[in-house]
Amino acid sequence: MRAAEGAAHDYSASADRPGSVPFTSAPLVLREFEKGEHQLHWLVQQETALEETLL
């Protein structure tokens, strides 16, 4: 059945799609992304402070 005809999509990982991410892990991925953004922000602050120290 085609998607336009109302077929449900299976977003779970499977052997035929080794690179796929299960839909249920989306909140985990979002948390990891937010942690990475926080760490990047902290590193940029550290870089700025170091540049100011060296100037």
C-alpha atoms as a PDB file:
ATOM      1  CA  MET A   1       0.000   0.000   0.000  1.00  0.00           C
ATOM      2  CA  ARG A   2       1.353   3.439  -0.839  1.00  0.00           C
ATOM      3  CA  ALA A   3       1.857   6.155   1.797  1.00  0.00           C
ATOM      4  CA  ALA A   4      -0.749   8.334   0.095  1.00  0.00           C
ATOM      5  CA  GLU A   5      -3.236   5.534   0.632  1.00  0.00           C
ATOM      6  CA  GLY A   6      -2.716   5.570   4.398  1.00  0.00           C
ATOM      7  CA  ALA A   7       0.068   3.036   4.910  1.00  0.00           C
ATOM      8  CA  ALA A   8       1.931   3.385   8.179  1.00  0.00           C
ATOM      9  CA  HIS A   9       5.668   3.983   8.036  1.00  0.00           C
ATOM     10  CA  ASP A  10       8.011   1.836  10.059  1.00  0.00           C
ATOM     11  CA  TYR A  11      10.820   4.087  11.299  1.00  0.00           C
ATOM     12  CA  SER A  12      12.542   1.448  13.401  1.00  0.00           C
ATOM     13  CA  ALA A  13      16.055   0.326  12.603  1.00  0.00           C
ATOM     14  CA  SER A  14      16.429  -2.897  10.718  1.00  0.00           C
ATOM     15  CA  ALA A  15      19.113  -5.051   9.165  1.00  0.00           C
ATOM     16  CA  ASP A  16      18.244  -3.810   5.677  1.00  0.00           C
ATOM     17  CA  ARG A  17      18.814  -0.204   6.824  1.00  0.00           C
ATOM     18  CA  PRO A  18      21.940  -0.339   9.000  1.00  0.00           C
ATOM     19  CA  GLY A  19      22.354   3.446   9.143  1.00  0.00           C
ATOM     20  CA  SER A  20      18.815   4.156  10.237  1.00  0.00           C
ATOM     21  CA  VAL A  21      18.019   5.493  13.700  1.00  0.00           C
ATOM     22  CA  PRO A  22      14.964   4.219  15.541  1.00  0.00           C
ATOM     23  CA  PHE A  23      12.327   6.916  15.937  1.00  0.00           C
ATOM     24  CA  THR A  24      12.191   6.266  19.674  1.00  0.00           C
ATOM     25  CA  SER A  25      15.785   7.484  20.062  1.00  0.00           C
ATOM     26  CA  ALA A  26      14.924  10.998  18.798  1.00  0.00           C
ATOM     27  CA  PRO A  27      14.761  12.480  22.342  1.00  0.00           C
ATOM     28  CA  LEU A  28      18.152  10.938  23.121  1.00  0.00           C
ATOM     29  CA  VAL A  29      19.653  12.399  19.954  1.00  0.00           C
ATOM     30  CA  LEU A  30      18.190  15.812  20.815  1.00  0.00           C
ATOM     31  CA  ARG A  31      19.690  15.683  24.314  1.00  0.00           C
ATOM     32  CA  GLU A  32      23.093  14.740  22.913  1.00  0.00           C
ATOM     33  CA  PHE A  33      22.851  17.583  20.384  1.00  0.00           C
ATOM     34  CA  GLU A  34      21.992  20.063  23.147  1.00  0.00           C
ATOM     35  CA  LYS A  35      24.900  18.823  25.278  1.00  0.00           C
ATOM     36  CA  GLY A  36      27.195  19.309  22.286  1.00  0.00           C
ATOM     37  CA  GLU A  37      25.893  22.836  21.720  1.00  0.00           C
ATOM     38  CA  HIS A  38      26.485  23.651  25.391  1.00  0.00           C
ATOM     39  CA  GLN A  39      30.030  22.302  25.221  1.00  0.00           C
ATOM     40  CA  LEU A  40      30.708  24.254  22.014  1.00  0.00           C
ATOM     41  CA  HIS A  41      29.453  27.467  23.653  1.00  0.00           C
ATOM     42  CA  TRP A  42      31.726  26.846  26.648  1.00  0.00           C
ATOM     43  CA  LEU A  43      34.720  26.220  24.376  1.00  0.00           C
ATOM     44  CA  VAL A  44      34.082  29.421  22.424  1.00  0.00           C
ATOM     45  CA  GLN A  45      33.998  31.332  25.715  1.00  0.00           C
ATOM     46  CA  GLN A  46      37.293  29.731  26.724  1.00  0.00           C
ATOM     47  CA  GLU A  47      38.810  30.618  23.354  1.00  0.00           C
ATOM     48  CA  THR A  48      37.692  34.238  23.715  1.00  0.00           C
ATOM     49  CA  ALA A  49      39.115  34.474  27.239  1.00  0.00           C
ATOM     50  CA  LEU A  50      42.414  33.003  26.080  1.00  0.00           C
ATOM     51  CA  GLU A  51      42.649  35.431  23.161  1.00  0.00           C
ATOM     52  CA  GLU A  52      42.013  38.353  25.505  1.00  0.00           C
ATOM     53  CA  THR A  53      44.701  37.064  27.858  1.00  0.00           C
ATOM     54  CA  LEU A  54      47.248  36.780  25.063  1.00  0.00           C
ATOM     55  CA  LEU A  55      46.562  40.221  23.620  1.00  0.00           C
END
